Amino acid sequence: MQYKAYVDGSAGPEASKYGYLMYLGDNKEPFASGRFRAPKGTTNNQAEFMALSSLLKHALALMHREEKNNLIVFSDSELLIKGVSGEYNIKKEHLARTLDEIKHNLDALRKMANCEVSIQWIEGSHNPAHRVAYARQPETKKVKSRKSNSTKARKGELDAVMDWGNYADYRLYEEGIYAV
């Protein structure tokens, strides 16, 4: 199966947001998406990295190993793209942690979902995920962890809040966070 996805993140004084849109084949409508709000003080770069990390987890939950999968991810963040490829050495601890998570999920996609992933640059004005990350948050519902029944995801690193209008079924397999 051929997948195409777009990721974006934004930071502001009131809230930082990030999100993604994922398309199957040449479909014009996304079949999966996510929009999240990160804690106050999250940087723009952190939001960009968090968007890719969330997308990869969702992709892993959706893809089937029996099929050969191909995922092309588009981002307008040079730091994200070159950090993942190894061209840039990411030194900031908060970004390095998320980058390690991204690399772990890329490896898991290759092994568990038989998926090759490429990440490419796209002009910000042509990135459809831009409207997801920069849009005002509508009415939201907190994600609860089925393991701890806590509203904190990622061991307290971010308080994930999602717009349930974007998709019906979202699974973060690794942390056991479900929203259905």
Protein backbone atom coordinates (compact mmCIF):
# COMPACT_ATOMS: atom_id res chain seq x y z
CA MET A 1 0.00 0.00 0.00
CA GLN A 2 1.16 3.50 -0.78
CA TYR A 3 0.70 6.15 1.93
CA LYS A 4 1.40 9.86 1.90
CA ALA A 5 1.47 12.01 5.05
CA TYR A 6 2.05 15.61 6.06
CA VAL A 7 3.27 16.77 9.49
CA ASP A 8 3.50 20.22 11.04
CA GLY A 9 3.89 21.89 14.40
CA SER A 10 3.60 25.40 15.77
CA ALA A 11 4.49 27.15 19.01
CA GLY A 12 2.93 30.21 20.52
CA PRO A 13 2.69 32.02 23.83
CA GLU A 14 -0.72 30.52 24.60
CA ALA A 15 -0.39 27.03 23.19
CA SER A 16 1.77 24.82 21.04
CA LYS A 17 0.05 22.54 18.57
CA TYR A 18 1.03 19.84 16.15
CA GLY A 19 -0.68 17.48 13.80
CA TYR A 20 -0.63 15.31 10.74
CA LEU A 21 -2.74 14.19 7.82
CA MET A 22 -2.33 10.74 6.28
CA TYR A 23 -3.61 9.74 2.84
CA LEU A 24 -4.00 6.34 1.23
CA GLY A 25 -2.82 6.26 -2.38
CA ASP A 26 -3.99 9.23 -4.42
CA ASN A 27 -7.10 9.90 -2.34
CA LYS A 28 -7.87 13.59 -1.86
CA GLU A 29 -9.39 13.09 1.60
CA PRO A 30 -7.20 11.96 4.51
CA PHE A 31 -8.11 8.62 6.03
CA ALA A 32 -6.22 9.35 9.26
CA SER A 33 -5.22 12.52 11.06
CA GLY A 34 -4.36 13.88 14.45
CA ARG A 35 -4.27 17.26 16.10
CA PHE A 36 -2.69 17.74 19.51
CA ARG A 37 -1.87 20.48 21.96
CA ALA A 38 1.46 20.35 23.78
CA PRO A 39 2.24 22.00 27.13
CA LYS A 40 2.90 25.71 27.34
CA GLY A 41 6.56 26.39 26.66
CA THR A 42 6.93 23.74 23.95
CA THR A 43 9.15 25.08 21.16
CA ASN A 44 8.26 25.09 17.48
CA ASN A 45 10.95 22.47 16.82
CA GLN A 46 9.59 20.24 19.58
CA ALA A 47 6.11 20.51 18.06
CA GLU A 48 7.48 19.51 14.63
CA PHE A 49 9.25 16.46 16.11
CA MET A 50 6.16 15.50 18.13
CA ALA A 51 4.04 15.61 14.97
CA LEU A 52 6.27 13.08 13.19
CA SER A 53 6.47 10.87 16.27
CA SER A 54 2.67 10.76 16.59
CA LEU A 55 2.21 10.06 12.89
CA LEU A 56 4.65 7.13 12.95
CA LYS A 57 2.88 5.52 15.92
CA HIS A 58 -0.48 5.86 14.22
CA ALA A 59 0.93 4.47 10.96
CA LEU A 60 2.32 1.46 12.79
CA ALA A 61 -1.09 0.72 14.27
CA LEU A 62 -2.76 0.95 10.84
CA MET A 63 -0.40 -0.97 8.57
CA HIS A 64 -0.43 -4.71 7.94
CA ARG A 65 2.80 -6.68 7.68
CA GLU A 66 1.44 -8.97 4.98
CA GLU A 67 1.55 -6.13 2.49
CA LYS A 68 4.54 -4.14 1.31
CA ASN A 69 3.94 -0.61 2.58
CA ASN A 70 5.51 2.65 1.51
CA LEU A 71 5.08 5.91 3.44
CA ILE A 72 6.25 9.28 2.15
CA VAL A 73 6.17 11.97 4.84
CA PHE A 74 6.29 15.66 3.97
CA SER A 75 7.48 18.31 6.44
CA ASP A 76 8.44 21.97 6.24
CA SER A 77 11.03 21.56 9.03
CA GLU A 78 14.61 21.34 7.77
CA LEU A 79 15.81 20.52 11.30
CA LEU A 80 13.41 17.58 11.54
CA ILE A 81 14.26 16.15 8.12
CA LYS A 82 18.03 16.54 8.46
CA GLY A 83 17.95 15.43 12.10
CA VAL A 84 16.20 12.18 11.18
CA SER A 85 18.56 11.57 8.24
CA GLY A 86 21.61 12.17 10.44
CA GLU A 87 22.80 15.21 8.47
CA TYR A 88 22.30 17.37 11.56
CA ASN A 89 23.47 16.36 15.00
CA ILE A 90 20.59 17.11 17.38
CA LYS A 91 22.15 18.18 20.68
CA LYS A 92 19.23 19.65 22.63
CA GLU A 93 18.07 16.98 25.05
CA HIS A 94 14.33 17.55 24.59
CA LEU A 95 14.69 17.14 20.81
CA ALA A 96 17.17 14.26 21.05
CA ARG A 97 14.70 12.24 23.18
CA THR A 98 11.94 12.68 20.61
CA LEU A 99 14.37 11.94 17.78
CA ASP A 100 15.32 8.65 19.46
CA GLU A 101 11.61 7.81 19.66
CA ILE A 102 11.18 8.68 15.97
CA LYS A 103 14.10 6.44 14.98
CA HIS A 104 12.70 3.62 17.13
CA ASN A 105 9.33 3.96 15.38
CA LEU A 106 10.94 4.09 11.93
CA ASP A 107 12.74 0.84 12.74
CA ALA A 108 9.50 -0.70 14.04
CA LEU A 109 7.68 0.30 10.84
CA ARG A 110 10.37 -1.39 8.75
CA LYS A 111 10.34 -4.58 10.81
CA MET A 112 6.75 -4.92 12.00
CA ALA A 113 4.77 -3.27 9.20
CA ASN A 114 7.04 -4.07 6.24
CA CYS A 115 7.14 -0.34 5.51
CA GLU A 116 9.78 1.85 3.92
CA VAL A 117 9.57 5.49 5.00
CA SER A 118 11.01 8.55 3.30
CA ILE A 119 10.82 12.09 4.63
CA GLN A 120 10.81 14.99 2.20
CA TRP A 121 10.70 18.74 2.46
CA ILE A 122 7.65 20.72 1.39
CA GLU A 123 7.09 24.46 1.33
CA GLY A 124 5.09 25.47 4.41
CA SER A 125 2.40 27.16 2.35
CA HIS A 126 1.85 23.88 0.44
CA ASN A 127 1.68 21.70 3.56
CA PRO A 128 -1.95 20.70 4.27
CA ALA A 129 -0.99 19.76 7.85
CA HIS A 130 -0.23 23.45 8.40
CA ARG A 131 -3.93 24.17 8.80
CA VAL A 132 -4.19 21.33 11.33
CA ALA A 133 -1.32 22.58 13.47
CA TYR A 134 -2.25 26.27 13.28
CA ALA A 135 -6.02 25.98 13.57
CA ARG A 136 -7.81 27.08 16.70
CA GLN A 137 -8.55 24.13 18.97
CA PRO A 138 -12.22 23.16 18.80
CA GLU A 139 -13.93 21.34 21.60
CA THR A 140 -11.52 18.65 22.73
CA LYS A 141 -11.47 15.46 24.69
CA LYS A 142 -8.49 14.20 26.69
CA VAL A 143 -6.86 10.91 25.81
CA LYS A 144 -6.78 8.42 28.65
CA SER A 145 -4.16 5.76 29.07
CA ARG A 146 -5.73 2.34 29.47
CA LYS A 147 -2.78 1.24 31.62
CA SER A 148 -2.86 3.96 34.24
CA ASN A 149 -6.21 5.66 33.53
CA SER A 150 -4.22 8.90 33.53
CA THR A 151 -4.75 11.79 31.16
CA LYS A 152 -0.97 12.23 30.88
CA ALA A 153 0.62 10.66 27.84
CA ARG A 154 4.29 9.97 27.25
CA LYS A 155 5.07 9.69 30.96
CA GLY A 156 4.00 13.27 31.66
CA GLU A 157 5.95 14.89 28.81
CA LEU A 158 2.86 16.14 27.04
CA ASP A 159 -0.79 16.41 27.77
CA ALA A 160 -2.30 15.13 24.56
CA VAL A 161 -5.55 16.72 23.59
CA MET A 162 -7.09 15.75 20.31
CA ASP A 163 -9.83 16.94 18.04
CA TRP A 164 -12.10 13.92 17.76
CA GLY A 165 -13.65 15.27 14.58
CA ASN A 166 -10.50 14.44 12.62
CA TYR A 167 -10.68 10.66 12.86
CA ALA A 168 -12.62 7.85 14.40
CA ASP A 169 -9.95 5.43 15.54
CA TYR A 170 -6.54 6.38 16.88
CA ARG A 171 -4.15 3.99 18.59
CA LEU A 172 -0.77 4.60 20.15
CA TYR A 173 0.39 0.99 20.42
CA GLU A 174 3.56 1.55 22.43
CA GLU A 175 2.12 3.51 25.36
CA GLY A 176 -1.22 1.70 25.34
CA ILE A 177 -3.17 4.92 24.79
CA TYR A 178 -6.48 4.40 23.03
CA ALA A 179 -9.19 6.73 21.87
CA VAL A 180 -12.02 5.09 20.00
